[in-house]
Amino acid sequence: MTMWGSRFREALDPAAQRYNASIGFDRRLAAQDVRASAAWARALRQAGVLTPAECDTILAGLQQIGEEFAGEGFVYHENDEDVHSAVERRLADLIGPPAGKLHTGRSRNDQVVTDLRLWLMDHVPALDSALADLQGVLVGRAEVELGVLMPGYTHLQRAQPVTLGHWWLSHVWPLDRDRERLQQLRRRTSQLPLGSGALAGTAFPVDRQALAADLGFEAPCPNSLDAVADRDFAAEFLFAAALIGVHLSRLAEGVILFSTREFGFFELADRYATGSSLMPQKKNPDLFEIARGQSGALIGELTGLLTILKGLPSAYDKDLQEDKQPVFRAYDRLAQALPVLAGALRTLSVRPERMAAAIDEDMMASDLADHLVVQGVAFRQAHEVVGRWVRLGLEQGRGLHSFTLDELHALHPAFTAEVYDFLDPTHSLSRRAAIGGSAPAAVAEQLAKARRAIERTPMDSPPSETIKGAGGSS
């Protein structure tokens, strides 16, 4: 029997029942539902609604149900509409009539959103740990390849020389911002809806501050109407997940590009690459391509939930049943991707000679303009002069270093013999020593800062909620 069937003369049509049910996916909230139900029982006891004996009986039953869930021995019934009704039905099987008192003053409206908030609070720390592990891999590579020269690109055209260490670290900081967002999200998620009832609040003298503390929330939600309708935290998680996906996609694109034979900067380890069913010579970066593709799916989850939320009236509507699957799917995608990408990057091989060979003199053109600036020439004029020098070299098939000082004086008399030092890529790097720059000293400072960022205090999480492969830095 349903939790609401006494109002109706006819049972729900079987097809409608299947359509209405959420048990197929909200069973992932089982552990959180048991925890929240136990806290609610204790709150009802403190409010004088349950006797101590009734509360103890209910708590003993819930403990057994929790153990059944943990041991995967819980048996769902065909008529279980959702995880909440399944828990209540099983509790009645175990303890009889006292089970009927547990739902006093509580609605599935405040129950389900409490469970989902708890689920995110439990699982976000595991993502944070997995992100920290990936950061650790990138920082480890940056430390080893701190001084490896490589061409930097804008518009996918060779621009200025940088180092591979600097390039690896450029992917650390987006992940650090992702971790900051997750930490902020967890704090905003830590607002307790339970005790809001269906929409108007509970009619019993429940101490919601104590209830919030019992469940590990920072505070109760201040408005019962908003509490049962609010899914900002779910949308915010999906935004954070989508942005993580975008950052992983950009990292993946770099690895894919640099692993091509045309670039040849990287080679993936065999255990993190795939082949072709037709072409025996192929070595494909499929794992990185999947990560790049999944960023689109993560963006879609966010767009879908926002579209669901945008036109809802006040309080709870069944549209909100669609809030959980996008959250679960987004979490699962990231939980699967992060350890795999960390492993692939940890084992990747670098070919410094190919990177060095890709650096040409034209990439020091801005340094040549700077040389003229030091001699007192306005930058715009210096830019124009060096542009003509580069054009002449291209037209005549000559390297920039082959131009004599007399030829350079014909372009501008401010050129001095020191200009040839500015054609050296290591000289170019050494000049960019400001904070965040690509000079070896600046990158070393950045590396130390990145290590401190990774080693910040991790979020607390239940021991069971971890992502395989996360937690060990390279």
Foldseek 3Di string as FASTA:
>chain_A
DDPPPPVDPDDDDPVVLVVQALAVPQCVLQLLLLLLLLLLLVLCCVLVNDPPVLSVLLNVLSVVSNVCVVVVNQDADPNPRHSNSSSLVSSCVRRNPSSVSSCAQADVLLSSLQSVLLVLLFFLLQLLLLLLQLLLLLLVVLVVFVPQKFFDDDVNDGAAIFTVSLVSLVLNVLSLVLSVLSVVLNLVSLAHLTQLHQQNGGPTPGDQQVSSVSSVGPYHDPHSFCSSLDPVSLLSLLVSLLSVLVSLLVVLVVVQVCCDPVQVFKHWDQVQWDADPPDRVDTHNVLSVVSNVCSVVSVVLSVVVCVLNVDDDITDDSSCSPSPPSSVVSSVVSLVNSLSVSVRSNRMDGDSVSRVVPDALVNLLLVLLVLLVVLVDDSVLSNVLSVVLVVVCVVVVHGSLPDDVVNSVVSPVSDDPCSSVSSDSLVVQCVQQPQSGRNSVNSVVSSVVSVVSSPPDRRDHPPVNHRPNGNDGD
